[in-house]
Amino acid sequence: MNENTALHLSPAPRDDQPLLREEERQRCEIWTRVMGYHRPVTSFNTGKQGEFQQRLHFQERTSPALAPTPTLAPCR
């Protein structure tokens, strides 16, 4: 699949959900934080949109030294 191919994935319809034609669906707008404030990705120039698509998401592992210390019951 090349970068110009749009892939439309829809969840399997449930019995209580009506089926919508493509023109009836609402476009989902994605916002992200850039330079300290939030903007929609659609307002980015071509280069910034490319950078956004190349971003990697990760989760840091907590260092044992930074792990929260257990709280103790208050003294009475």
PDB file of N, CA and C in Angstrom:
ATOM      1  N   MET A   1       0.850  -1.161   0.000  1.00  0.00           N
ATOM      2  CA  MET A   1       0.000   0.000   0.000  1.00  0.00           C
ATOM      3  C   MET A   1       0.899   1.228   0.000  1.00  0.00           C
ATOM      4  N   ASN A   2       0.651   2.188  -0.893  1.00  0.00           N
ATOM      5  CA  ASN A   2       1.470   3.391  -0.901  1.00  0.00           C
ATOM      6  C   ASN A   2       0.839   4.461  -0.029  1.00  0.00           C
ATOM      7  N   GLU A   3       1.537   5.600   0.124  1.00  0.00           N
ATOM      8  CA  GLU A   3       1.075   6.639   1.040  1.00  0.00           C
ATOM      9  C   GLU A   3      -0.159   7.371   0.556  1.00  0.00           C
ATOM     10  N   ASN A   4      -0.518   7.240  -0.715  1.00  0.00           N
ATOM     11  CA  ASN A   4      -1.695   7.916  -1.255  1.00  0.00           C
ATOM     12  C   ASN A   4      -2.957   7.078  -1.162  1.00  0.00           C
ATOM     13  N   THR A   5      -2.826   5.830  -0.711  1.00  0.00           N
ATOM     14  CA  THR A   5      -3.975   4.944  -0.602  1.00  0.00           C
ATOM     15  C   THR A   5      -4.644   5.140   0.758  1.00  0.00           C
ATOM     16  N   ALA A   6      -5.912   5.451   0.746  1.00  0.00           N
ATOM     17  CA  ALA A   6      -6.650   5.632   1.998  1.00  0.00           C
ATOM     18  C   ALA A   6      -7.274   4.303   2.399  1.00  0.00           C
ATOM     19  N   LEU A   7      -7.090   3.934   3.625  1.00  0.00           N
ATOM     20  CA  LEU A   7      -7.648   2.691   4.135  1.00  0.00           C
ATOM     21  C   LEU A   7      -8.778   3.042   5.089  1.00  0.00           C
ATOM     22  N   HIS A   8      -9.986   2.596   4.792  1.00  0.00           N
ATOM     23  CA  HIS A   8     -11.143   2.891   5.628  1.00  0.00           C
ATOM     24  C   HIS A   8     -11.502   1.636   6.407  1.00  0.00           C
ATOM     25  N   LEU A   9     -11.262   1.667   7.698  1.00  0.00           N
ATOM     26  CA  LEU A   9     -11.612   0.541   8.551  1.00  0.00           C
ATOM     27  C   LEU A   9     -12.789   0.946   9.421  1.00  0.00           C
ATOM     28  N   SER A  10     -13.798   0.162   9.413  1.00  0.00           N
ATOM     29  CA  SER A  10     -14.962   0.413  10.255  1.00  0.00           C
ATOM     30  C   SER A  10     -15.161  -0.785  11.159  1.00  0.00           C
ATOM     31  N   PRO A  11     -15.569  -0.540  12.397  1.00  0.00           N
ATOM     32  CA  PRO A  11     -15.847  -1.676  13.267  1.00  0.00           C
ATOM     33  C   PRO A  11     -17.052  -2.452  12.747  1.00  0.00           C
ATOM     34  N   ALA A  12     -17.116  -3.702  13.125  1.00  0.00           N
ATOM     35  CA  ALA A  12     -18.255  -4.521  12.715  1.00  0.00           C
ATOM     36  C   ALA A  12     -19.530  -3.904  13.282  1.00  0.00           C
ATOM     37  N   PRO A  13     -20.556  -3.741  12.452  1.00  0.00           N
ATOM     38  CA  PRO A  13     -21.789  -3.125  12.946  1.00  0.00           C
ATOM     39  C   PRO A  13     -22.493  -4.027  13.956  1.00  0.00           C
ATOM     40  N   ARG A  14     -23.065  -3.391  14.966  1.00  0.00           N
ATOM     41  CA  ARG A  14     -23.867  -4.125  15.940  1.00  0.00           C
ATOM     42  C   ARG A  14     -25.316  -4.054  15.492  1.00  0.00           C
ATOM     43  N   ASP A  15     -26.139  -4.871  16.094  1.00  0.00           N
ATOM     44  CA  ASP A  15     -27.559  -4.905  15.712  1.00  0.00           C
ATOM     45  C   ASP A  15     -28.259  -3.577  15.971  1.00  0.00           C
ATOM     46  N   ASP A  16     -27.811  -2.829  17.005  1.00  0.00           N
ATOM     47  CA  ASP A  16     -28.501  -1.584  17.359  1.00  0.00           C
ATOM     48  C   ASP A  16     -27.915  -0.365  16.645  1.00  0.00           C
ATOM     49  N   GLN A  17     -26.931  -0.543  15.747  1.00  0.00           N
ATOM     50  CA  GLN A  17     -26.329   0.575  15.026  1.00  0.00           C
ATOM     51  C   GLN A  17     -26.756   0.550  13.564  1.00  0.00           C
ATOM     52  N   PRO A  18     -27.212   1.699  13.057  1.00  0.00           N
ATOM     53  CA  PRO A  18     -27.561   1.733  11.638  1.00  0.00           C
ATOM     54  C   PRO A  18     -26.286   1.780  10.796  1.00  0.00           C
ATOM     55  N   LEU A  19     -26.348   1.256   9.597  1.00  0.00           N
ATOM     56  CA  LEU A  19     -25.222   1.336   8.672  1.00  0.00           C
ATOM     57  C   LEU A  19     -25.245   2.701   8.003  1.00  0.00           C
ATOM     58  N   LEU A  20     -24.084   3.333   7.896  1.00  0.00           N
ATOM     59  CA  LEU A  20     -23.993   4.651   7.284  1.00  0.00           C
ATOM     60  C   LEU A  20     -23.233   4.560   5.968  1.00  0.00           C
ATOM     61  N   ARG A  21     -23.721   5.321   4.997  1.00  0.00           N
ATOM     62  CA  ARG A  21     -22.981   5.440   3.748  1.00  0.00           C
ATOM     63  C   ARG A  21     -21.780   6.349   3.994  1.00  0.00           C
ATOM     64  N   GLU A  22     -20.772   6.270   3.150  1.00  0.00           N
ATOM     65  CA  GLU A  22     -19.542   7.051   3.323  1.00  0.00           C
ATOM     66  C   GLU A  22     -19.828   8.553   3.441  1.00  0.00           C
ATOM     67  N   GLU A  23     -20.756   9.072   2.637  1.00  0.00           N
ATOM     68  CA  GLU A  23     -21.057  10.504   2.672  1.00  0.00           C
ATOM     69  C   GLU A  23     -21.812  10.918   3.942  1.00  0.00           C
ATOM     70  N   GLU A  24     -22.357   9.960   4.690  1.00  0.00           N
ATOM     71  CA  GLU A  24     -23.068  10.269   5.939  1.00  0.00           C
ATOM     72  C   GLU A  24     -22.144  10.261   7.160  1.00  0.00           C
ATOM     73  N   ARG A  25     -20.960   9.722   6.991  1.00  0.00           N
ATOM     74  CA  ARG A  25     -20.037   9.612   8.119  1.00  0.00           C
ATOM     75  C   ARG A  25     -19.388  10.954   8.421  1.00  0.00           C
ATOM     76  N   GLN A  26     -19.026  11.159   9.677  1.00  0.00           N
ATOM     77  CA  GLN A  26     -18.370  12.389  10.103  1.00  0.00           C
ATOM     78  C   GLN A  26     -16.861  12.155  10.171  1.00  0.00           C
ATOM     79  N   ARG A  27     -16.109  13.057   9.598  1.00  0.00           N
ATOM     80  CA  ARG A  27     -14.653  12.932   9.583  1.00  0.00           C
ATOM     81  C   ARG A  27     -14.108  13.178  10.988  1.00  0.00           C
ATOM     82  N   CYS A  28     -13.176  12.358  11.403  1.00  0.00           N
ATOM     83  CA  CYS A  28     -12.540  12.482  12.709  1.00  0.00           C
ATOM     84  C   CYS A  28     -11.316  13.383  12.556  1.00  0.00           C
ATOM     85  N   GLU A  29     -11.266  14.450  13.333  1.00  0.00           N
ATOM     86  CA  GLU A  29     -10.142  15.374  13.247  1.00  0.00           C
ATOM     87  C   GLU A  29      -9.145  15.065  14.362  1.00  0.00           C
ATOM     88  N   ILE A  30      -7.886  14.919  14.003  1.00  0.00           N
ATOM     89  CA  ILE A  30      -6.845  14.587  14.966  1.00  0.00           C
ATOM     90  C   ILE A  30      -6.071  15.850  15.308  1.00  0.00           C
ATOM     91  N   TRP A  31      -5.933  16.117  16.607  1.00  0.00           N
ATOM     92  CA  TRP A  31      -5.182  17.263  17.092  1.00  0.00           C
ATOM     93  C   TRP A  31      -3.936  16.759  17.802  1.00  0.00           C
ATOM     94  N   THR A  32      -2.893  17.566  17.783  1.00  0.00           N
ATOM     95  CA  THR A  32      -1.674  17.206  18.485  1.00  0.00           C
ATOM     96  C   THR A  32      -1.028  18.478  19.033  1.00  0.00           C
ATOM     97  N   ARG A  33      -0.143  18.305  19.990  1.00  0.00           N
ATOM     98  CA  ARG A  33       0.527  19.441  20.614  1.00  0.00           C
ATOM     99  C   ARG A  33       1.797  19.745  19.835  1.00  0.00           C
ATOM    100  N   VAL A  34       1.920  20.997  19.395  1.00  0.00           N
ATOM    101  CA  VAL A  34       3.102  21.449  18.665  1.00  0.00           C
ATOM    102  C   VAL A  34       3.514  22.808  19.215  1.00  0.00           C
ATOM    103  N   MET A  35       4.765  22.929  19.572  1.00  0.00           N
ATOM    104  CA  MET A  35       5.314  24.204  20.050  1.00  0.00           C
ATOM    105  C   MET A  35       4.485  24.799  21.188  1.00  0.00           C
ATOM    106  N   GLY A  36       4.000  23.956  22.093  1.00  0.00           N
ATOM    107  CA  GLY A  36       3.329  24.431  23.291  1.00  0.00           C
ATOM    108  C   GLY A  36       1.832  24.642  23.174  1.00  0.00           C
ATOM    109  N   TYR A  37       1.248  24.435  22.028  1.00  0.00           N
ATOM    110  CA  TYR A  37      -0.202  24.572  21.924  1.00  0.00           C
ATOM    111  C   TYR A  37      -0.738  23.494  20.983  1.00  0.00           C
ATOM    112  N   HIS A  38      -2.049  23.268  21.022  1.00  0.00           N
ATOM    113  CA  HIS A  38      -2.678  22.196  20.235  1.00  0.00           C
ATOM    114  C   HIS A  38      -3.202  22.743  18.910  1.00  0.00           C
ATOM    115  N   ARG A  39      -2.998  21.956  17.856  1.00  0.00           N
ATOM    116  CA  ARG A  39      -3.465  22.317  16.518  1.00  0.00           C
ATOM    117  C   ARG A  39      -3.956  21.060  15.811  1.00  0.00           C
ATOM    118  N   PRO A  40      -4.910  21.201  14.886  1.00  0.00           N
ATOM    119  CA  PRO A  40      -5.324  20.038  14.093  1.00  0.00           C
ATOM    120  C   PRO A  40      -4.228  19.669  13.103  1.00  0.00           C
ATOM    121  N   VAL A  41      -4.007  18.379  12.922  1.00  0.00           N
ATOM    122  CA  VAL A  41      -2.971  17.897  12.016  1.00  0.00           C
ATOM    123  C   VAL A  41      -3.261  18.351  10.587  1.00  0.00           C
ATOM    124  N   THR A  42      -4.525  18.520  10.230  1.00  0.00           N
ATOM    125  CA  THR A  42      -4.874  18.936   8.861  1.00  0.00           C
ATOM    126  C   THR A  42      -4.361  20.333   8.540  1.00  0.00           C
ATOM    127  N   SER A  43      -4.060  21.151   9.559  1.00  0.00           N
ATOM    128  CA  SER A  43      -3.559  22.503   9.298  1.00  0.00           C
ATOM    129  C   SER A  43      -2.044  22.529   9.109  1.00  0.00           C
ATOM    130  N   PHE A  44      -1.368  21.404   9.311  1.00  0.00           N
ATOM    131  CA  PHE A  44       0.088  21.333   9.147  1.00  0.00           C
ATOM    132  C   PHE A  44       0.452  21.424   7.667  1.00  0.00           C
ATOM    133  N   ASN A  45       1.656  21.925   7.391  1.00  0.00           N
ATOM    134  CA  ASN A  45       2.148  21.871   6.013  1.00  0.00           C
ATOM    135  C   ASN A  45       2.575  20.436   5.708  1.00  0.00           C
ATOM    136  N   THR A  46       2.915  20.170   4.453  1.00  0.00           N
ATOM    137  CA  THR A  46       3.215  18.800   4.016  1.00  0.00           C
ATOM    138  C   THR A  46       4.363  18.178   4.813  1.00  0.00           C
ATOM    139  N   GLY A  47       5.423  18.946   5.064  1.00  0.00           N
ATOM    140  CA  GLY A  47       6.567  18.417   5.807  1.00  0.00           C
ATOM    141  C   GLY A  47       6.223  18.059   7.238  1.00  0.00           C
ATOM    142  N   LYS A  48       5.448  18.922   7.905  1.00  0.00           N
ATOM    143  CA  LYS A  48       5.073  18.657   9.296  1.00  0.00           C
ATOM    144  C   LYS A  48       4.119  17.470   9.382  1.00  0.00           C
ATOM    145  N   GLN A  49       3.226  17.297   8.394  1.00  0.00           N
ATOM    146  CA  GLN A  49       2.344  16.129   8.384  1.00  0.00           C
ATOM    147  C   GLN A  49       3.162  14.853   8.236  1.00  0.00           C
ATOM    148  N   GLY A  50       4.221  14.897   7.410  1.00  0.00           N
ATOM    149  CA  GLY A  50       5.099  13.742   7.260  1.00  0.00           C
ATOM    150  C   GLY A  50       5.808  13.404   8.562  1.00  0.00           C
ATOM    151  N   GLU A  51       6.290  14.445   9.275  1.00  0.00           N
ATOM    152  CA  GLU A  51       6.932  14.230  10.569  1.00  0.00           C
ATOM    153  C   GLU A  51       5.956  13.601  11.556  1.00  0.00           C
ATOM    154  N   PHE A  52       4.708  14.074  11.545  1.00  0.00           N
ATOM    155  CA  PHE A  52       3.699  13.545  12.465  1.00  0.00           C
ATOM    156  C   PHE A  52       3.468  12.053  12.208  1.00  0.00           C
ATOM    157  N   GLN A  53       3.426  11.660  10.939  1.00  0.00           N
ATOM    158  CA  GLN A  53       3.171  10.254  10.609  1.00  0.00           C
ATOM    159  C   GLN A  53       4.351   9.361  10.946  1.00  0.00           C
ATOM    160  N   GLN A  54       5.551   9.928  11.053  1.00  0.00           N
ATOM    161  CA  GLN A  54       6.734   9.138  11.375  1.00  0.00           C
ATOM    162  C   GLN A  54       6.974   9.025  12.885  1.00  0.00           C
ATOM    163  N   ARG A  55       6.189   9.700  13.687  1.00  0.00           N
ATOM    164  CA  ARG A  55       6.374   9.640  15.134  1.00  0.00           C
ATOM    165  C   ARG A  55       6.186   8.226  15.659  1.00  0.00           C
ATOM    166  N   LEU A  56       6.974   7.889  16.655  1.00  0.00           N
ATOM    167  CA  LEU A  56       6.858   6.596  17.315  1.00  0.00           C
ATOM    168  C   LEU A  56       6.289   6.807  18.705  1.00  0.00           C
ATOM    169  N   HIS A  57       5.385   5.937  19.116  1.00  0.00           N
ATOM    170  CA  HIS A  57       4.810   6.004  20.453  1.00  0.00           C
ATOM    171  C   HIS A  57       5.491   4.948  21.304  1.00  0.00           C
ATOM    172  N   PHE A  58       5.851   5.315  22.504  1.00  0.00           N
ATOM    173  CA  PHE A  58       6.532   4.381  23.381  1.00  0.00           C
ATOM    174  C   PHE A  58       6.097   4.621  24.820  1.00  0.00           C
ATOM    175  N   GLN A  59       6.396   3.654  25.667  1.00  0.00           N
ATOM    176  CA  GLN A  59       6.153   3.779  27.096  1.00  0.00           C
ATOM    177  C   GLN A  59       7.478   3.570  27.800  1.00  0.00           C
ATOM    178  N   GLU A  60       7.791   4.489  28.699  1.00  0.00           N
ATOM    179  CA  GLU A  60       9.015   4.343  29.470  1.00  0.00           C
ATOM    180  C   GLU A  60       8.817   3.341  30.579  1.00  0.00           C
ATOM    181  N   ARG A  61       9.844   2.556  30.808  1.00  0.00           N
ATOM    182  CA  ARG A  61       9.812   1.669  31.962  1.00  0.00           C
ATOM    183  C   ARG A  61      10.256   2.478  33.166  1.00  0.00           C
ATOM    184  N   THR A  62       9.652   2.237  34.298  1.00  0.00           N
ATOM    185  CA  THR A  62       9.991   2.957  35.514  1.00  0.00           C
ATOM    186  C   THR A  62      11.253   2.369  36.111  1.00  0.00           C
ATOM    187  N   SER A  63      12.180   3.238  36.434  1.00  0.00           N
ATOM    188  CA  SER A  63      13.406   2.823  37.084  1.00  0.00           C
ATOM    189  C   SER A  63      13.086   2.437  38.526  1.00  0.00           C
ATOM    190  N   PRO A  64      13.717   1.390  39.079  1.00  0.00           N
ATOM    191  CA  PRO A  64      13.468   1.039  40.481  1.00  0.00           C
ATOM    192  C   PRO A  64      13.784   2.204  41.425  1.00  0.00           C
ATOM    193  N   ALA A  65      14.743   3.036  41.056  1.00  0.00           N
ATOM    194  CA  ALA A  65      15.081   4.185  41.908  1.00  0.00           C
ATOM    195  C   ALA A  65      13.973   5.230  41.896  1.00  0.00           C
ATOM    196  N   LEU A  66      13.180   5.265  40.831  1.00  0.00           N
ATOM    197  CA  LEU A  66      12.107   6.254  40.718  1.00  0.00           C
ATOM    198  C   LEU A  66      10.741   5.694  41.093  1.00  0.00           C
ATOM    199  N   ALA A  67      10.695   4.432  41.441  1.00  0.00           N
ATOM    200  CA  ALA A  67       9.411   3.820  41.792  1.00  0.00           C
ATOM    201  C   ALA A  67       8.839   4.493  43.020  1.00  0.00           C
ATOM    202  N   PRO A  68       7.533   4.667  43.064  1.00  0.00           N
ATOM    203  CA  PRO A  68       6.945   5.330  44.238  1.00  0.00           C
ATOM    204  C   PRO A  68       7.179   4.501  45.500  1.00  0.00           C
ATOM    205  N   THR A  69       7.456   5.197  46.563  1.00  0.00           N
ATOM    206  CA  THR A  69       7.651   4.510  47.831  1.00  0.00           C
ATOM    207  C   THR A  69       6.293   4.198  48.434  1.00  0.00           C
ATOM    208  N   PRO A  70       6.183   3.070  49.104  1.00  0.00           N
ATOM    209  CA  PRO A  70       4.882   2.744  49.712  1.00  0.00           C
ATOM    210  C   PRO A  70       4.556   3.732  50.820  1.00  0.00           C
ATOM    211  N   THR A  71       3.306   4.084  50.893  1.00  0.00           N
ATOM    212  CA  THR A  71       2.903   5.010  51.959  1.00  0.00           C
ATOM    213  C   THR A  71       2.685   4.231  53.243  1.00  0.00           C
ATOM    214  N   LEU A  72       3.070   4.852  54.317  1.00  0.00           N
ATOM    215  CA  LEU A  72       2.913   4.240  55.626  1.00  0.00           C
ATOM    216  C   LEU A  72       1.688   4.809  56.332  1.00  0.00           C
ATOM    217  N   ALA A  73       1.131   4.028  57.205  1.00  0.00           N
ATOM    218  CA  ALA A  73      -0.019   4.512  57.982  1.00  0.00           C
ATOM    219  C   ALA A  73       0.464   5.614  58.925  1.00  0.00           C
ATOM    220  N   PRO A  74      -0.355   6.635  59.133  1.00  0.00           N
ATOM    221  CA  PRO A  74       0.073   7.721  60.025  1.00  0.00           C
ATOM    222  C   PRO A  74       0.286   7.213  61.441  1.00  0.00           C
ATOM    223  N   CYS A  75       1.248   7.828  62.108  1.00  0.00           N
ATOM    224  CA  CYS A  75       1.527   7.481  63.516  1.00  0.00           C
ATOM    225  C   CYS A  75       0.418   8.052  64.383  1.00  0.00           C
ATOM    226  N   ARG A  76       0.105   7.322  65.488  1.00  0.00           N
ATOM    227  CA  ARG A  76      -0.936   7.798  66.416  1.00  0.00           C
ATOM    228  C   ARG A  76      -0.359   7.947  67.786  1.00  0.00           C
TER     229      ARG A  76
END
